[in-house]
């Protein structure tokens, strides 16, 4: 079991977030944009809350919508949080 004394503080992560007001049907869910300011690792993420119904179809439409705006999806499936923790761990060495 993980204990508090096993945890290490790497520092704070400055972040900004925005609510997306897009009316396009592909992005008709509650969308948030987040930018995390981590030296050497620029991270920006769009996230949304969706119901399970037609999830694959909605994901495909979501990707197509942003591709048309020259916003490209990172093919690396690693979560933003894990990328941030790894970058902070490296900078703490």
C-alpha atoms as a PDB file:
ATOM      1  CA  UNK A   1       0.000   0.000   0.000  1.00  0.00           C
ATOM      2  CA  UNK A   2       1.273   3.486  -0.879  1.00  0.00           C
ATOM      3  CA  UNK A   3       2.096   5.621   2.140  1.00  0.00           C
ATOM      4  CA  UNK A   4       2.321   9.434   2.247  1.00  0.00           C
ATOM      5  CA  UNK A   5       6.024   9.223   3.122  1.00  0.00           C
ATOM      6  CA  UNK A   6       6.589   7.328  -0.150  1.00  0.00           C
ATOM      7  CA  UNK A   7       5.451  10.357  -2.174  1.00  0.00           C
ATOM      8  CA  UNK A   8       7.808  13.007  -3.502  1.00  0.00           C
ATOM      9  CA  UNK A   9       6.810  16.581  -4.329  1.00  0.00           C
ATOM     10  CA  UNK A  10       8.219  17.683  -7.695  1.00  0.00           C
ATOM     11  CA  UNK A  11       6.736  21.161  -7.674  1.00  0.00           C
ATOM     12  CA  UNK A  12       3.702  22.922  -8.953  1.00  0.00           C
ATOM     13  CA  UNK A  13       2.371  22.851 -12.480  1.00  0.00           C
ATOM     14  CA  UNK A  14       1.006  26.130 -13.739  1.00  0.00           C
ATOM     15  CA  UNK A  15      -2.126  25.565 -15.785  1.00  0.00           C
ATOM     16  CA  UNK A  16      -4.901  27.407 -17.535  1.00  0.00           C
ATOM     17  CA  UNK A  17      -8.242  26.011 -18.556  1.00  0.00           C
ATOM     18  CA  UNK A  18     -11.056  27.136 -20.820  1.00  0.00           C
ATOM     19  CA  UNK A  19     -14.609  25.991 -21.445  1.00  0.00           C
ATOM     20  CA  UNK A  20     -15.300  25.405 -25.144  1.00  0.00           C
ATOM     21  CA  UNK A  21     -18.428  27.000 -26.560  1.00  0.00           C
ATOM     22  CA  UNK A  22     -18.327  25.298 -29.985  1.00  0.00           C
ATOM     23  CA  UNK A  23     -21.712  24.600 -31.535  1.00  0.00           C
ATOM     24  CA  UNK A  24     -20.522  22.144 -34.197  1.00  0.00           C
ATOM     25  CA  UNK A  25     -22.384  18.805 -33.786  1.00  0.00           C
ATOM     26  CA  UNK A  26     -19.050  16.964 -33.567  1.00  0.00           C
ATOM     27  CA  UNK A  27     -18.175  18.906 -30.423  1.00  0.00           C
ATOM     28  CA  UNK A  28     -21.605  19.215 -28.896  1.00  0.00           C
ATOM     29  CA  UNK A  29     -20.435  17.906 -25.529  1.00  0.00           C
ATOM     30  CA  UNK A  30     -18.944  19.756 -22.554  1.00  0.00           C
ATOM     31  CA  UNK A  31     -15.403  20.423 -23.761  1.00  0.00           C
ATOM     32  CA  UNK A  32     -12.533  21.878 -21.737  1.00  0.00           C
ATOM     33  CA  UNK A  33      -9.119  22.958 -22.988  1.00  0.00           C
ATOM     34  CA  UNK A  34      -6.173  22.784 -20.605  1.00  0.00           C
ATOM     35  CA  UNK A  35      -2.643  24.091 -21.062  1.00  0.00           C
ATOM     36  CA  UNK A  36       0.011  22.911 -18.637  1.00  0.00           C
ATOM     37  CA  UNK A  37       3.228  24.950 -18.405  1.00  0.00           C
ATOM     38  CA  UNK A  38       6.021  22.414 -17.883  1.00  0.00           C
ATOM     39  CA  UNK A  39       9.545  23.413 -18.988  1.00  0.00           C
ATOM     40  CA  UNK A  40      10.507  21.398 -22.064  1.00  0.00           C
ATOM     41  CA  UNK A  41       7.094  19.766 -22.365  1.00  0.00           C
ATOM     42  CA  UNK A  42       4.332  21.906 -23.845  1.00  0.00           C
ATOM     43  CA  UNK A  43       1.006  20.218 -23.128  1.00  0.00           C
ATOM     44  CA  UNK A  44      -2.407  21.256 -24.332  1.00  0.00           C
ATOM     45  CA  UNK A  45      -5.382  18.965 -24.076  1.00  0.00           C
ATOM     46  CA  UNK A  46      -8.997  19.076 -25.109  1.00  0.00           C
ATOM     47  CA  UNK A  47     -11.155  16.836 -22.957  1.00  0.00           C
ATOM     48  CA  UNK A  48     -14.863  16.258 -22.892  1.00  0.00           C
ATOM     49  CA  UNK A  49     -17.506  14.449 -20.969  1.00  0.00           C
ATOM     50  CA  UNK A  50     -19.677  12.179 -23.056  1.00  0.00           C
ATOM     51  CA  UNK A  51     -22.255   9.513 -22.471  1.00  0.00           C
ATOM     52  CA  UNK A  52     -21.375   5.962 -23.494  1.00  0.00           C
ATOM     53  CA  UNK A  53     -23.886   5.998 -26.313  1.00  0.00           C
ATOM     54  CA  UNK A  54     -22.127   6.075 -29.736  1.00  0.00           C
ATOM     55  CA  UNK A  55     -18.747   6.753 -28.124  1.00  0.00           C
ATOM     56  CA  UNK A  56     -16.637   5.576 -31.116  1.00  0.00           C
ATOM     57  CA  UNK A  57     -18.709   7.604 -33.559  1.00  0.00           C
ATOM     58  CA  UNK A  58     -18.399  10.718 -31.375  1.00  0.00           C
ATOM     59  CA  UNK A  59     -14.627  10.223 -30.978  1.00  0.00           C
ATOM     60  CA  UNK A  60     -14.183   9.960 -34.752  1.00  0.00           C
ATOM     61  CA  UNK A  61     -16.228  13.131 -35.354  1.00  0.00           C
ATOM     62  CA  UNK A  62     -14.301  14.950 -32.604  1.00  0.00           C
ATOM     63  CA  UNK A  63     -10.954  14.065 -34.228  1.00  0.00           C
ATOM     64  CA  UNK A  64     -12.163  15.032 -37.703  1.00  0.00           C
ATOM     65  CA  UNK A  65     -13.408  18.388 -36.417  1.00  0.00           C
ATOM     66  CA  UNK A  66     -10.008  19.330 -34.989  1.00  0.00           C
ATOM     67  CA  UNK A  67      -8.068  17.956 -37.972  1.00  0.00           C
ATOM     68  CA  UNK A  68      -9.962  20.495 -40.098  1.00  0.00           C
ATOM     69  CA  UNK A  69      -8.606  23.225 -37.815  1.00  0.00           C
ATOM     70  CA  UNK A  70      -4.984  22.078 -38.147  1.00  0.00           C
ATOM     71  CA  UNK A  71      -4.982  20.719 -34.596  1.00  0.00           C
ATOM     72  CA  UNK A  72      -3.343  17.315 -34.593  1.00  0.00           C
ATOM     73  CA  UNK A  73      -3.784  14.478 -32.164  1.00  0.00           C
ATOM     74  CA  UNK A  74      -0.765  13.099 -30.363  1.00  0.00           C
ATOM     75  CA  UNK A  75      -0.457   9.432 -31.360  1.00  0.00           C
ATOM     76  CA  UNK A  76       1.161   8.648 -27.998  1.00  0.00           C
ATOM     77  CA  UNK A  77      -1.571   7.226 -25.740  1.00  0.00           C
ATOM     78  CA  UNK A  78       0.319   8.154 -22.562  1.00  0.00           C
ATOM     79  CA  UNK A  79      -1.826  10.357 -20.340  1.00  0.00           C
ATOM     80  CA  UNK A  80      -1.030  14.031 -19.884  1.00  0.00           C
ATOM     81  CA  UNK A  81      -0.569  13.457 -16.155  1.00  0.00           C
ATOM     82  CA  UNK A  82       1.970  10.661 -16.642  1.00  0.00           C
ATOM     83  CA  UNK A  83       3.911  12.725 -19.217  1.00  0.00           C
ATOM     84  CA  UNK A  84       3.991  15.651 -16.778  1.00  0.00           C
ATOM     85  CA  UNK A  85       5.153  13.493 -13.862  1.00  0.00           C
ATOM     86  CA  UNK A  86       7.906  11.920 -15.966  1.00  0.00           C
ATOM     87  CA  UNK A  87       9.127  15.353 -17.135  1.00  0.00           C
ATOM     88  CA  UNK A  88       9.130  16.692 -13.558  1.00  0.00           C
ATOM     89  CA  UNK A  89      10.946  13.594 -12.325  1.00  0.00           C
ATOM     90  CA  UNK A  90      13.655  14.057 -14.968  1.00  0.00           C
ATOM     91  CA  UNK A  91      14.106  17.749 -14.140  1.00  0.00           C
ATOM     92  CA  UNK A  92      14.411  16.941 -10.417  1.00  0.00           C
ATOM     93  CA  UNK A  93      17.475  14.741 -10.972  1.00  0.00           C
END
